[in-house]
Amino acid sequence: MAAVRKWLLAEPGVQQIYYVTGDADFVVVLSAPDVDAYHALMSRLMADCPGVTRFATNVALDVIKRGLTIPVPE
């Protein structure tokens, strides 16, 4: 687990990392210029971190809402 965290933190394309419960250990938001670059990144992850045995990919097709504001009552 520590090796995967270290690897993800060092990877420039990784924008966000969330440690989560459920079927996955992490949700990672990353940016890649194209599918080939993404495939190369994930191949490196699998080669560099033998503890990673599987991953699932979700591709964002559109941004519906994006923001980081937190509503604070007056």
N, C-alpha and C. Protein backbone atom coordinates (compact mmCIF):
# COMPACT_ATOMS: atom_id res chain seq x y z
N MET A 1 0.83 -1.19 0.00
CA MET A 1 0.00 0.00 0.00
C MET A 1 0.88 1.25 0.00
N ALA A 2 1.93 1.26 0.81
CA ALA A 2 2.81 2.43 0.89
C ALA A 2 3.53 2.66 -0.43
N ALA A 3 3.92 1.58 -1.10
CA ALA A 3 4.61 1.72 -2.39
C ALA A 3 3.68 2.32 -3.44
N VAL A 4 2.42 1.92 -3.43
CA VAL A 4 1.45 2.47 -4.40
C VAL A 4 1.23 3.95 -4.12
N ARG A 5 1.06 4.31 -2.86
CA ARG A 5 0.88 5.73 -2.51
C ARG A 5 2.07 6.56 -2.98
N LYS A 6 3.27 6.07 -2.70
CA LYS A 6 4.49 6.79 -3.09
C LYS A 6 4.56 6.95 -4.61
N TRP A 7 4.25 5.89 -5.32
CA TRP A 7 4.29 5.91 -6.78
C TRP A 7 3.28 6.94 -7.32
N LEU A 8 2.05 6.90 -6.82
CA LEU A 8 1.02 7.82 -7.28
C LEU A 8 1.38 9.27 -6.97
N LEU A 9 1.93 9.51 -5.79
CA LEU A 9 2.32 10.88 -5.41
C LEU A 9 3.41 11.43 -6.32
N ALA A 10 4.29 10.56 -6.81
CA ALA A 10 5.40 11.00 -7.65
C ALA A 10 5.02 11.16 -9.12
N GLU A 11 3.88 10.63 -9.51
CA GLU A 11 3.49 10.65 -10.93
C GLU A 11 2.87 12.00 -11.30
N PRO A 12 3.47 12.74 -12.25
CA PRO A 12 2.96 14.07 -12.61
C PRO A 12 1.53 14.08 -13.16
N GLY A 13 1.10 13.03 -13.83
CA GLY A 13 -0.24 13.00 -14.40
C GLY A 13 -1.35 12.80 -13.38
N VAL A 14 -0.99 12.37 -12.18
CA VAL A 14 -1.99 12.13 -11.14
C VAL A 14 -2.37 13.46 -10.50
N GLN A 15 -3.64 13.80 -10.57
CA GLN A 15 -4.13 15.07 -10.05
C GLN A 15 -4.75 14.95 -8.66
N GLN A 16 -5.42 13.84 -8.39
CA GLN A 16 -6.09 13.65 -7.11
C GLN A 16 -6.03 12.17 -6.74
N ILE A 17 -5.90 11.91 -5.44
CA ILE A 17 -5.88 10.53 -4.94
C ILE A 17 -6.79 10.47 -3.71
N TYR A 18 -7.71 9.53 -3.71
CA TYR A 18 -8.61 9.33 -2.58
C TYR A 18 -8.46 7.89 -2.09
N TYR A 19 -8.23 7.70 -0.81
CA TYR A 19 -8.21 6.39 -0.18
C TYR A 19 -9.66 6.11 0.23
N VAL A 20 -10.26 5.03 -0.29
CA VAL A 20 -11.70 4.81 -0.14
C VAL A 20 -12.01 3.42 0.40
N THR A 21 -13.26 3.25 0.80
CA THR A 21 -13.76 1.94 1.19
C THR A 21 -14.48 1.32 0.00
N GLY A 22 -14.77 0.04 0.09
CA GLY A 22 -15.52 -0.63 -0.97
C GLY A 22 -14.63 -1.55 -1.77
N ASP A 23 -14.97 -1.74 -3.04
CA ASP A 23 -14.25 -2.68 -3.90
C ASP A 23 -12.83 -2.22 -4.23
N ALA A 24 -12.59 -0.93 -4.23
CA ALA A 24 -11.28 -0.38 -4.58
C ALA A 24 -10.61 0.19 -3.34
N ASP A 25 -9.30 0.31 -3.38
CA ASP A 25 -8.56 0.96 -2.30
C ASP A 25 -8.39 2.45 -2.55
N PHE A 26 -8.24 2.81 -3.83
CA PHE A 26 -8.02 4.19 -4.20
C PHE A 26 -8.92 4.59 -5.36
N VAL A 27 -9.29 5.85 -5.39
CA VAL A 27 -9.85 6.48 -6.57
C VAL A 27 -8.82 7.52 -6.97
N VAL A 28 -8.36 7.44 -8.21
CA VAL A 28 -7.32 8.33 -8.70
C VAL A 28 -7.86 9.11 -9.89
N VAL A 29 -7.71 10.42 -9.83
CA VAL A 29 -8.07 11.28 -10.95
C VAL A 29 -6.76 11.67 -11.62
N LEU A 30 -6.66 11.35 -12.90
CA LEU A 30 -5.42 11.67 -13.59
C LEU A 30 -5.71 12.25 -14.96
N SER A 31 -4.68 12.83 -15.53
CA SER A 31 -4.78 13.43 -16.85
C SER A 31 -3.76 12.78 -17.76
N ALA A 32 -4.20 12.40 -18.93
CA ALA A 32 -3.31 11.85 -19.95
C ALA A 32 -3.70 12.46 -21.29
N PRO A 33 -2.72 12.75 -22.13
CA PRO A 33 -3.03 13.41 -23.41
C PRO A 33 -3.81 12.53 -24.38
N ASP A 34 -3.69 11.20 -24.24
CA ASP A 34 -4.42 10.29 -25.13
C ASP A 34 -4.45 8.90 -24.51
N VAL A 35 -5.13 8.00 -25.16
CA VAL A 35 -5.31 6.65 -24.65
C VAL A 35 -3.98 5.91 -24.56
N ASP A 36 -3.11 6.12 -25.53
CA ASP A 36 -1.81 5.45 -25.51
C ASP A 36 -0.99 5.87 -24.29
N ALA A 37 -1.01 7.16 -23.96
CA ALA A 37 -0.28 7.66 -22.80
C ALA A 37 -0.88 7.08 -21.52
N TYR A 38 -2.21 6.99 -21.48
CA TYR A 38 -2.87 6.39 -20.31
C TYR A 38 -2.46 4.93 -20.17
N HIS A 39 -2.49 4.21 -21.26
CA HIS A 39 -2.11 2.79 -21.22
C HIS A 39 -0.66 2.63 -20.74
N ALA A 40 0.24 3.48 -21.21
CA ALA A 40 1.64 3.42 -20.78
C ALA A 40 1.76 3.70 -19.29
N LEU A 41 1.01 4.68 -18.80
CA LEU A 41 1.02 5.01 -17.37
C LEU A 41 0.56 3.82 -16.53
N MET A 42 -0.54 3.21 -16.91
CA MET A 42 -1.07 2.09 -16.14
C MET A 42 -0.17 0.86 -16.26
N SER A 43 0.48 0.67 -17.39
CA SER A 43 1.44 -0.43 -17.54
C SER A 43 2.62 -0.24 -16.61
N ARG A 44 3.10 1.01 -16.49
CA ARG A 44 4.19 1.31 -15.56
C ARG A 44 3.76 1.07 -14.12
N LEU A 45 2.54 1.47 -13.78
CA LEU A 45 2.03 1.24 -12.42
C LEU A 45 2.04 -0.25 -12.10
N MET A 46 1.54 -1.06 -13.01
CA MET A 46 1.48 -2.51 -12.78
C MET A 46 2.89 -3.10 -12.68
N ALA A 47 3.82 -2.61 -13.46
CA ALA A 47 5.20 -3.13 -13.44
C ALA A 47 5.94 -2.67 -12.18
N ASP A 48 5.74 -1.42 -11.78
CA ASP A 48 6.47 -0.84 -10.65
C ASP A 48 5.90 -1.25 -9.30
N CYS A 49 4.63 -1.58 -9.25
CA CYS A 49 3.96 -1.91 -7.98
C CYS A 49 3.29 -3.27 -8.10
N PRO A 50 4.04 -4.35 -7.82
CA PRO A 50 3.49 -5.70 -7.98
C PRO A 50 2.24 -5.97 -7.14
N GLY A 51 2.02 -5.18 -6.08
CA GLY A 51 0.83 -5.36 -5.26
C GLY A 51 -0.45 -4.92 -5.97
N VAL A 52 -0.32 -4.16 -7.04
CA VAL A 52 -1.49 -3.74 -7.82
C VAL A 52 -1.82 -4.88 -8.78
N THR A 53 -2.94 -5.52 -8.55
CA THR A 53 -3.31 -6.68 -9.36
C THR A 53 -4.42 -6.38 -10.36
N ARG A 54 -5.14 -5.28 -10.14
CA ARG A 54 -6.20 -4.91 -11.08
C ARG A 54 -6.55 -3.44 -10.90
N PHE A 55 -7.14 -2.88 -11.92
CA PHE A 55 -7.66 -1.52 -11.85
C PHE A 55 -8.84 -1.41 -12.79
N ALA A 56 -9.70 -0.46 -12.54
CA ALA A 56 -10.86 -0.19 -13.39
C ALA A 56 -10.76 1.25 -13.86
N THR A 57 -11.18 1.48 -15.07
CA THR A 57 -11.09 2.79 -15.68
C THR A 57 -12.48 3.35 -15.95
N ASN A 58 -12.67 4.60 -15.58
CA ASN A 58 -13.87 5.35 -15.94
C ASN A 58 -13.40 6.61 -16.65
N VAL A 59 -13.95 6.88 -17.80
CA VAL A 59 -13.58 8.06 -18.58
C VAL A 59 -14.70 9.08 -18.48
N ALA A 60 -14.33 10.31 -18.12
CA ALA A 60 -15.33 11.39 -18.05
C ALA A 60 -15.66 11.83 -19.47
N LEU A 61 -16.93 11.77 -19.82
CA LEU A 61 -17.37 12.19 -21.14
C LEU A 61 -17.72 13.66 -21.19
N ASP A 62 -18.14 14.21 -20.05
CA ASP A 62 -18.53 15.61 -19.99
C ASP A 62 -18.46 16.06 -18.53
N VAL A 63 -18.24 17.33 -18.33
CA VAL A 63 -18.26 17.91 -16.99
C VAL A 63 -19.63 18.54 -16.78
N ILE A 64 -20.38 18.05 -15.82
CA ILE A 64 -21.71 18.58 -15.54
C ILE A 64 -21.62 19.69 -14.49
N LYS A 65 -20.80 19.47 -13.48
CA LYS A 65 -20.58 20.49 -12.46
C LYS A 65 -19.20 20.25 -11.87
N ARG A 66 -18.50 21.34 -11.61
CA ARG A 66 -17.18 21.25 -11.00
C ARG A 66 -17.03 22.41 -10.04
N GLY A 67 -16.52 22.14 -8.87
CA GLY A 67 -16.31 23.21 -7.91
C GLY A 67 -15.77 22.68 -6.60
N LEU A 68 -15.22 23.57 -5.82
CA LEU A 68 -14.68 23.19 -4.52
C LEU A 68 -15.24 24.05 -3.40
N THR A 69 -16.24 24.86 -3.69
CA THR A 69 -16.80 25.71 -2.66
C THR A 69 -17.61 24.88 -1.66
N ILE A 70 -17.61 25.33 -0.42
CA ILE A 70 -18.38 24.66 0.63
C ILE A 70 -19.38 25.69 1.16
N PRO A 71 -20.69 25.39 1.05
CA PRO A 71 -21.67 26.34 1.56
C PRO A 71 -21.59 26.44 3.08
N VAL A 72 -21.42 27.64 3.58
CA VAL A 72 -21.33 27.87 5.02
C VAL A 72 -22.50 28.77 5.40
N PRO A 73 -23.37 28.28 6.32
CA PRO A 73 -24.51 29.12 6.71
C PRO A 73 -24.02 30.40 7.41
N GLU A 74 -24.76 31.45 7.19
CA GLU A 74 -24.41 32.74 7.81
C GLU A 74 -24.79 32.76 9.26
